[in-house]
């Protein structure tokens, strides 16, 4: 699946990452934060258990349920 990846800075130089299907807008419930574009059209396996680089667990399930996938609160920083 091709996704666009966005990130926002957190404390201690960490980042939270948000993935949305390529070309889709960030869903309304996630627009209350300033997101910076990290990469457009990244090809990632949505069936993977996790996208380690972004700290996103069960990306396919998150994308199906919410329309986006996001770094978990207790996941290590991406990038």
PDB file of N, CA and C in Angstrom:
ATOM      1  N   UNK A   1       0.849  -1.174   0.000  1.00  0.00           N
ATOM      2  CA  UNK A   1       0.000   0.000   0.000  1.00  0.00           C
ATOM      3  C   UNK A   1       0.894   1.236   0.000  1.00  0.00           C
ATOM      4  N   UNK A   2       0.481   2.200  -0.775  1.00  0.00           N
ATOM      5  CA  UNK A   2       1.220   3.461  -0.816  1.00  0.00           C
ATOM      6  C   UNK A   2       0.555   4.445   0.140  1.00  0.00           C
ATOM      7  N   UNK A   3       1.379   5.035   0.998  1.00  0.00           N
ATOM      8  CA  UNK A   3       0.877   5.966   2.013  1.00  0.00           C
ATOM      9  C   UNK A   3       1.707   7.242   2.016  1.00  0.00           C
ATOM     10  N   UNK A   4       1.097   8.296   2.507  1.00  0.00           N
ATOM     11  CA  UNK A   4       1.805   9.538   2.771  1.00  0.00           C
ATOM     12  C   UNK A   4       2.070   9.550   4.279  1.00  0.00           C
ATOM     13  N   UNK A   5       3.302   9.887   4.643  1.00  0.00           N
ATOM     14  CA  UNK A   5       3.716   9.888   6.042  1.00  0.00           C
ATOM     15  C   UNK A   5       3.925  11.325   6.505  1.00  0.00           C
ATOM     16  N   UNK A   6       3.329  11.629   7.634  1.00  0.00           N
ATOM     17  CA  UNK A   6       3.476  12.946   8.261  1.00  0.00           C
ATOM     18  C   UNK A   6       4.086  12.745   9.638  1.00  0.00           C
ATOM     19  N   UNK A   7       4.721  13.783  10.168  1.00  0.00           N
ATOM     20  CA  UNK A   7       5.271  13.670  11.514  1.00  0.00           C
ATOM     21  C   UNK A   7       5.073  14.967  12.278  1.00  0.00           C
ATOM     22  N   UNK A   8       5.101  14.827  13.598  1.00  0.00           N
ATOM     23  CA  UNK A   8       5.066  15.998  14.472  1.00  0.00           C
ATOM     24  C   UNK A   8       6.113  15.785  15.560  1.00  0.00           C
ATOM     25  N   UNK A   9       6.727  16.854  15.955  1.00  0.00           N
ATOM     26  CA  UNK A   9       7.757  16.794  16.980  1.00  0.00           C
ATOM     27  C   UNK A   9       7.132  16.594  18.354  1.00  0.00           C
ATOM     28  N   UNK A  10       7.783  15.800  19.155  1.00  0.00           N
ATOM     29  CA  UNK A  10       7.387  15.557  20.541  1.00  0.00           C
ATOM     30  C   UNK A  10       8.552  15.972  21.437  1.00  0.00           C
ATOM     31  N   UNK A  11       8.430  15.761  22.706  1.00  0.00           N
ATOM     32  CA  UNK A  11       9.498  16.087  23.657  1.00  0.00           C
ATOM     33  C   UNK A  11      10.724  15.215  23.422  1.00  0.00           C
ATOM     34  N   UNK A  12      11.862  15.711  23.832  1.00  0.00           N
ATOM     35  CA  UNK A  12      13.124  14.971  23.799  1.00  0.00           C
ATOM     36  C   UNK A  12      13.527  14.537  22.398  1.00  0.00           C
ATOM     37  N   UNK A  13      13.195  15.332  21.393  1.00  0.00           N
ATOM     38  CA  UNK A  13      13.611  15.033  20.027  1.00  0.00           C
ATOM     39  C   UNK A  13      12.922  13.846  19.379  1.00  0.00           C
ATOM     40  N   UNK A  14      11.819  13.416  19.936  1.00  0.00           N
ATOM     41  CA  UNK A  14      11.067  12.286  19.383  1.00  0.00           C
ATOM     42  C   UNK A  14      10.010  12.790  18.419  1.00  0.00           C
ATOM     43  N   UNK A  15       9.477  11.877  17.605  1.00  0.00           N
ATOM     44  CA  UNK A  15       8.432  12.214  16.639  1.00  0.00           C
ATOM     45  C   UNK A  15       7.286  11.219  16.714  1.00  0.00           C
ATOM     46  N   UNK A  16       6.092  11.704  16.464  1.00  0.00           N
ATOM     47  CA  UNK A  16       4.928  10.861  16.233  1.00  0.00           C
ATOM     48  C   UNK A  16       4.694  10.879  14.736  1.00  0.00           C
ATOM     49  N   UNK A  17       4.379   9.717  14.175  1.00  0.00           N
ATOM     50  CA  UNK A  17       4.134   9.604  12.741  1.00  0.00           C
ATOM     51  C   UNK A  17       2.682   9.246  12.468  1.00  0.00           C
ATOM     52  N   UNK A  18       2.171   9.785  11.379  1.00  0.00           N
ATOM     53  CA  UNK A  18       0.807   9.543  10.925  1.00  0.00           C
ATOM     54  C   UNK A  18       0.887   9.090   9.474  1.00  0.00           C
ATOM     55  N   UNK A  19       0.237   7.985   9.152  1.00  0.00           N
ATOM     56  CA  UNK A  19       0.208   7.474   7.783  1.00  0.00           C
ATOM     57  C   UNK A  19      -1.224   7.487   7.277  1.00  0.00           C
ATOM     58  N   UNK A  20      -1.421   8.025   6.082  1.00  0.00           N
ATOM     59  CA  UNK A  20      -2.729   8.002   5.432  1.00  0.00           C
ATOM     60  C   UNK A  20      -2.537   7.451   4.023  1.00  0.00           C
ATOM     61  N   UNK A  21      -3.551   6.798   3.463  1.00  0.00           N
ATOM     62  CA  UNK A  21      -3.414   6.309   2.091  1.00  0.00           C
ATOM     63  C   UNK A  21      -2.995   7.453   1.156  1.00  0.00           C
ATOM     64  N   UNK A  22      -2.132   7.138   0.224  1.00  0.00           N
ATOM     65  CA  UNK A  22      -1.585   8.139  -0.686  1.00  0.00           C
ATOM     66  C   UNK A  22      -2.684   9.003  -1.293  1.00  0.00           C
ATOM     67  N   UNK A  23      -2.483  10.322  -1.218  1.00  0.00           N
ATOM     68  CA  UNK A  23      -3.405  11.266  -1.825  1.00  0.00           C
ATOM     69  C   UNK A  23      -4.624  11.609  -0.988  1.00  0.00           C
ATOM     70  N   UNK A  24      -4.831  10.907   0.115  1.00  0.00           N
ATOM     71  CA  UNK A  24      -5.981  11.195   0.986  1.00  0.00           C
ATOM     72  C   UNK A  24      -5.613  12.320   1.946  1.00  0.00           C
ATOM     73  N   UNK A  25      -6.637  13.028   2.424  1.00  0.00           N
ATOM     74  CA  UNK A  25      -6.424  14.094   3.403  1.00  0.00           C
ATOM     75  C   UNK A  25      -6.274  13.481   4.790  1.00  0.00           C
ATOM     76  N   UNK A  26      -5.613  14.216   5.661  1.00  0.00           N
ATOM     77  CA  UNK A  26      -5.536  13.800   7.058  1.00  0.00           C
ATOM     78  C   UNK A  26      -6.953  13.859   7.622  1.00  0.00           C
ATOM     79  N   UNK A  27      -7.427  12.771   8.241  1.00  0.00           N
ATOM     80  CA  UNK A  27      -8.783  12.772   8.784  1.00  0.00           C
ATOM     81  C   UNK A  27      -8.997  13.898   9.796  1.00  0.00           C
ATOM     82  N   UNK A  28     -10.221  14.383   9.849  1.00  0.00           N
ATOM     83  CA  UNK A  28     -10.564  15.533  10.679  1.00  0.00           C
ATOM     84  C   UNK A  28     -10.135  15.376  12.137  1.00  0.00           C
ATOM     85  N   UNK A  29     -10.291  14.182  12.695  1.00  0.00           N
ATOM     86  CA  UNK A  29      -9.947  14.003  14.111  1.00  0.00           C
ATOM     87  C   UNK A  29      -8.443  14.122  14.373  1.00  0.00           C
ATOM     88  N   UNK A  30      -7.642  14.097  13.312  1.00  0.00           N
ATOM     89  CA  UNK A  30      -6.188  14.226  13.477  1.00  0.00           C
ATOM     90  C   UNK A  30      -5.662  15.576  12.996  1.00  0.00           C
ATOM     91  N   UNK A  31      -6.535  16.473  12.566  1.00  0.00           N
ATOM     92  CA  UNK A  31      -6.076  17.756  12.023  1.00  0.00           C
ATOM     93  C   UNK A  31      -5.866  18.819  13.088  1.00  0.00           C
ATOM     94  N   UNK A  32      -6.124  18.493  14.351  1.00  0.00           N
ATOM     95  CA  UNK A  32      -5.935  19.481  15.410  1.00  0.00           C
ATOM     96  C   UNK A  32      -4.465  19.633  15.796  1.00  0.00           C
ATOM     97  N   UNK A  33      -3.584  18.964  15.093  1.00  0.00           N
ATOM     98  CA  UNK A  33      -2.155  19.008  15.336  1.00  0.00           C
ATOM     99  C   UNK A  33      -1.457  19.445  14.057  1.00  0.00           C
ATOM    100  N   UNK A  34      -0.360  20.159  14.206  1.00  0.00           N
ATOM    101  CA  UNK A  34       0.429  20.548  13.039  1.00  0.00           C
ATOM    102  C   UNK A  34       1.311  19.381  12.609  1.00  0.00           C
ATOM    103  N   UNK A  35       1.051  18.872  11.432  1.00  0.00           N
ATOM    104  CA  UNK A  35       1.815  17.762  10.878  1.00  0.00           C
ATOM    105  C   UNK A  35       2.718  18.280   9.769  1.00  0.00           C
ATOM    106  N   UNK A  36       3.955  17.816   9.746  1.00  0.00           N
ATOM    107  CA  UNK A  36       4.890  18.121   8.670  1.00  0.00           C
ATOM    108  C   UNK A  36       4.972  16.910   7.754  1.00  0.00           C
ATOM    109  N   UNK A  37       5.002  17.146   6.453  1.00  0.00           N
ATOM    110  CA  UNK A  37       5.132  16.045   5.509  1.00  0.00           C
ATOM    111  C   UNK A  37       6.529  15.449   5.618  1.00  0.00           C
ATOM    112  N   UNK A  38       6.591  14.136   5.800  1.00  0.00           N
ATOM    113  CA  UNK A  38       7.879  13.444   5.826  1.00  0.00           C
ATOM    114  C   UNK A  38       8.164  12.797   4.474  1.00  0.00           C
ATOM    115  N   UNK A  39       7.179  12.073   3.939  1.00  0.00           N
ATOM    116  CA  UNK A  39       7.364  11.418   2.637  1.00  0.00           C
ATOM    117  C   UNK A  39       5.993  11.178   2.004  1.00  0.00           C
ATOM    118  N   UNK A  40       5.937  11.328   0.701  1.00  0.00           N
ATOM    119  CA  UNK A  40       4.696  11.067  -0.053  1.00  0.00           C
ATOM    120  C   UNK A  40       4.884   9.782  -0.857  1.00  0.00           C
ATOM    121  N   UNK A  41       3.825   8.985  -0.923  1.00  0.00           N
ATOM    122  CA  UNK A  41       3.839   7.789  -1.759  1.00  0.00           C
ATOM    123  C   UNK A  41       4.792   6.696  -1.315  1.00  0.00           C
ATOM    124  N   UNK A  42       4.992   6.549  -0.007  1.00  0.00           N
ATOM    125  CA  UNK A  42       5.851   5.492   0.535  1.00  0.00           C
ATOM    126  C   UNK A  42       5.133   4.158   0.369  1.00  0.00           C
ATOM    127  N   UNK A  43       5.796   3.179  -0.217  1.00  0.00           N
ATOM    128  CA  UNK A  43       5.201   1.860  -0.408  1.00  0.00           C
ATOM    129  C   UNK A  43       5.542   0.988   0.798  1.00  0.00           C
ATOM    130  N   UNK A  44       4.534   0.651   1.599  1.00  0.00           N
ATOM    131  CA  UNK A  44       4.720  -0.154   2.802  1.00  0.00           C
ATOM    132  C   UNK A  44       3.720  -1.299   2.817  1.00  0.00           C
ATOM    133  N   UNK A  45       4.096  -2.374   3.490  1.00  0.00           N
ATOM    134  CA  UNK A  45       3.244  -3.562   3.582  1.00  0.00           C
ATOM    135  C   UNK A  45       2.225  -3.385   4.701  1.00  0.00           C
ATOM    136  N   UNK A  46       0.972  -3.168   4.339  1.00  0.00           N
ATOM    137  CA  UNK A  46      -0.060  -2.961   5.356  1.00  0.00           C
ATOM    138  C   UNK A  46      -0.361  -4.229   6.150  1.00  0.00           C
ATOM    139  N   UNK A  47       0.103  -5.396   5.675  1.00  0.00           N
ATOM    140  CA  UNK A  47      -0.098  -6.651   6.395  1.00  0.00           C
ATOM    141  C   UNK A  47       0.995  -6.914   7.427  1.00  0.00           C
ATOM    142  N   UNK A  48       1.998  -6.047   7.480  1.00  0.00           N
ATOM    143  CA  UNK A  48       3.075  -6.203   8.456  1.00  0.00           C
ATOM    144  C   UNK A  48       2.531  -5.993   9.872  1.00  0.00           C
ATOM    145  N   UNK A  49       3.157  -6.625  10.853  1.00  0.00           N
ATOM    146  CA  UNK A  49       2.754  -6.442  12.252  1.00  0.00           C
ATOM    147  C   UNK A  49       3.034  -5.026  12.725  1.00  0.00           C
ATOM    148  N   UNK A  50       4.074  -4.421  12.168  1.00  0.00           N
ATOM    149  CA  UNK A  50       4.443  -3.064  12.559  1.00  0.00           C
ATOM    150  C   UNK A  50       5.349  -2.444  11.507  1.00  0.00           C
ATOM    151  N   UNK A  51       5.312  -1.130  11.465  1.00  0.00           N
ATOM    152  CA  UNK A  51       6.256  -0.369  10.652  1.00  0.00           C
ATOM    153  C   UNK A  51       7.256   0.220  11.636  1.00  0.00           C
ATOM    154  N   UNK A  52       8.341  -0.517  11.875  1.00  0.00           N
ATOM    155  CA  UNK A  52       9.302  -0.154  12.905  1.00  0.00           C
ATOM    156  C   UNK A  52       9.832   1.267  12.777  1.00  0.00           C
ATOM    157  N   UNK A  53      10.147   1.685  11.567  1.00  0.00           N
ATOM    158  CA  UNK A  53      10.744   3.011  11.360  1.00  0.00           C
ATOM    159  C   UNK A  53       9.841   4.130  11.879  1.00  0.00           C
ATOM    160  N   UNK A  54       8.542   3.885  11.853  1.00  0.00           N
ATOM    161  CA  UNK A  54       7.580   4.904  12.271  1.00  0.00           C
ATOM    162  C   UNK A  54       6.924   4.603  13.619  1.00  0.00           C
ATOM    163  N   UNK A  55       7.248   3.463  14.235  1.00  0.00           N
ATOM    164  CA  UNK A  55       6.648   3.098  15.521  1.00  0.00           C
ATOM    165  C   UNK A  55       5.160   2.823  15.418  1.00  0.00           C
ATOM    166  N   UNK A  56       4.718   2.380  14.242  1.00  0.00           N
ATOM    167  CA  UNK A  56       3.292   2.123  14.017  1.00  0.00           C
ATOM    168  C   UNK A  56       3.031   0.621  14.104  1.00  0.00           C
ATOM    169  N   UNK A  57       2.157   0.242  15.034  1.00  0.00           N
ATOM    170  CA  UNK A  57       1.810  -1.160  15.260  1.00  0.00           C
ATOM    171  C   UNK A  57       0.496  -1.466  14.544  1.00  0.00           C
ATOM    172  N   UNK A  58       0.419  -2.647  13.918  1.00  0.00           N
ATOM    173  CA  UNK A  58      -0.780  -3.108  13.204  1.00  0.00           C
ATOM    174  C   UNK A  58      -1.315  -2.035  12.244  1.00  0.00           C
ATOM    175  N   UNK A  59      -0.468  -1.597  11.306  1.00  0.00           N
ATOM    176  CA  UNK A  59      -0.880  -0.516  10.411  1.00  0.00           C
ATOM    177  C   UNK A  59      -2.121  -0.837   9.591  1.00  0.00           C
ATOM    178  N   UNK A  60      -2.240  -2.057   9.081  1.00  0.00           N
ATOM    179  CA  UNK A  60      -3.399  -2.411   8.268  1.00  0.00           C
ATOM    180  C   UNK A  60      -4.695  -2.303   9.050  1.00  0.00           C
ATOM    181  N   UNK A  61      -4.685  -2.791  10.285  1.00  0.00           N
ATOM    182  CA  UNK A  61      -5.881  -2.721  11.125  1.00  0.00           C
ATOM    183  C   UNK A  61      -6.237  -1.274  11.443  1.00  0.00           C
ATOM    184  N   UNK A  62      -5.226  -0.453  11.734  1.00  0.00           N
ATOM    185  CA  UNK A  62      -5.493   0.959  12.023  1.00  0.00           C
ATOM    186  C   UNK A  62      -6.066   1.667  10.793  1.00  0.00           C
ATOM    187  N   UNK A  63      -5.474   1.415   9.630  1.00  0.00           N
ATOM    188  CA  UNK A  63      -5.950   2.050   8.397  1.00  0.00           C
ATOM    189  C   UNK A  63      -7.392   1.648   8.096  1.00  0.00           C
ATOM    190  N   UNK A  64      -7.709   0.379   8.312  1.00  0.00           N
ATOM    191  CA  UNK A  64      -9.062  -0.091   8.050  1.00  0.00           C
ATOM    192  C   UNK A  64     -10.057   0.503   9.044  1.00  0.00           C
ATOM    193  N   UNK A  65      -9.663   0.557  10.316  1.00  0.00           N
ATOM    194  CA  UNK A  65     -10.571   1.027  11.359  1.00  0.00           C
ATOM    195  C   UNK A  65     -10.746   2.548  11.354  1.00  0.00           C
ATOM    196  N   UNK A  66      -9.643   3.288  11.190  1.00  0.00           N
ATOM    197  CA  UNK A  66      -9.691   4.738  11.356  1.00  0.00           C
ATOM    198  C   UNK A  66      -9.453   5.535  10.075  1.00  0.00           C
ATOM    199  N   UNK A  67      -8.898   4.867   9.066  1.00  0.00           N
ATOM    200  CA  UNK A  67      -8.553   5.586   7.842  1.00  0.00           C
ATOM    201  C   UNK A  67      -7.156   6.173   7.894  1.00  0.00           C
ATOM    202  N   UNK A  68      -6.460   5.951   8.991  1.00  0.00           N
ATOM    203  CA  UNK A  68      -5.072   6.376   9.148  1.00  0.00           C
ATOM    204  C   UNK A  68      -4.408   5.459  10.168  1.00  0.00           C
ATOM    205  N   UNK A  69      -3.090   5.508  10.233  1.00  0.00           N
ATOM    206  CA  UNK A  69      -2.334   4.754  11.234  1.00  0.00           C
ATOM    207  C   UNK A  69      -1.394   5.737  11.914  1.00  0.00           C
ATOM    208  N   UNK A  70      -1.209   5.564  13.210  1.00  0.00           N
ATOM    209  CA  UNK A  70      -0.421   6.524  13.982  1.00  0.00           C
ATOM    210  C   UNK A  70       0.488   5.800  14.966  1.00  0.00           C
ATOM    211  N   UNK A  71       1.610   6.423  15.253  1.00  0.00           N
ATOM    212  CA  UNK A  71       2.556   5.898  16.228  1.00  0.00           C
ATOM    213  C   UNK A  71       1.848   5.704  17.558  1.00  0.00           C
ATOM    214  N   UNK A  72       2.094   4.571  18.203  1.00  0.00           N
ATOM    215  CA  UNK A  72       1.523   4.313  19.518  1.00  0.00           C
ATOM    216  C   UNK A  72       2.199   5.148  20.584  1.00  0.00           C
ATOM    217  N   UNK A  73       1.494   5.460  21.650  1.00  0.00           N
ATOM    218  CA  UNK A  73       2.035   6.287  22.725  1.00  0.00           C
ATOM    219  C   UNK A  73       3.291   5.690  23.353  1.00  0.00           C
ATOM    220  N   UNK A  74       3.362   4.385  23.423  1.00  0.00           N
ATOM    221  CA  UNK A  74       4.485   3.743  24.107  1.00  0.00           C
ATOM    222  C   UNK A  74       5.473   3.121  23.129  1.00  0.00           C
ATOM    223  N   UNK A  75       5.382   3.495  21.873  1.00  0.00           N
ATOM    224  CA  UNK A  75       6.292   2.953  20.876  1.00  0.00           C
ATOM    225  C   UNK A  75       7.565   3.785  20.819  1.00  0.00           C
ATOM    226  N   UNK A  76       8.675   3.143  20.438  1.00  0.00           N
ATOM    227  CA  UNK A  76       9.917   3.914  20.271  1.00  0.00           C
ATOM    228  C   UNK A  76       9.777   4.908  19.139  1.00  0.00           C
ATOM    229  N   UNK A  77      10.571   5.939  19.197  1.00  0.00           N
ATOM    230  CA  UNK A  77      10.495   6.969  18.166  1.00  0.00           C
ATOM    231  C   UNK A  77      10.860   6.410  16.813  1.00  0.00           C
ATOM    232  N   UNK A  78      10.289   6.995  15.790  1.00  0.00           N
ATOM    233  CA  UNK A  78      10.632   6.621  14.421  1.00  0.00           C
ATOM    234  C   UNK A  78      11.755   7.481  13.923  1.00  0.00           C
ATOM    235  N   UNK A  79      12.276   7.061  12.761  1.00  0.00           N
ATOM    236  CA  UNK A  79      13.267   7.836  12.070  1.00  0.00           C
ATOM    237  C   UNK A  79      14.539   7.884  12.774  1.00  0.00           C
TER     238      UNK A  79
END
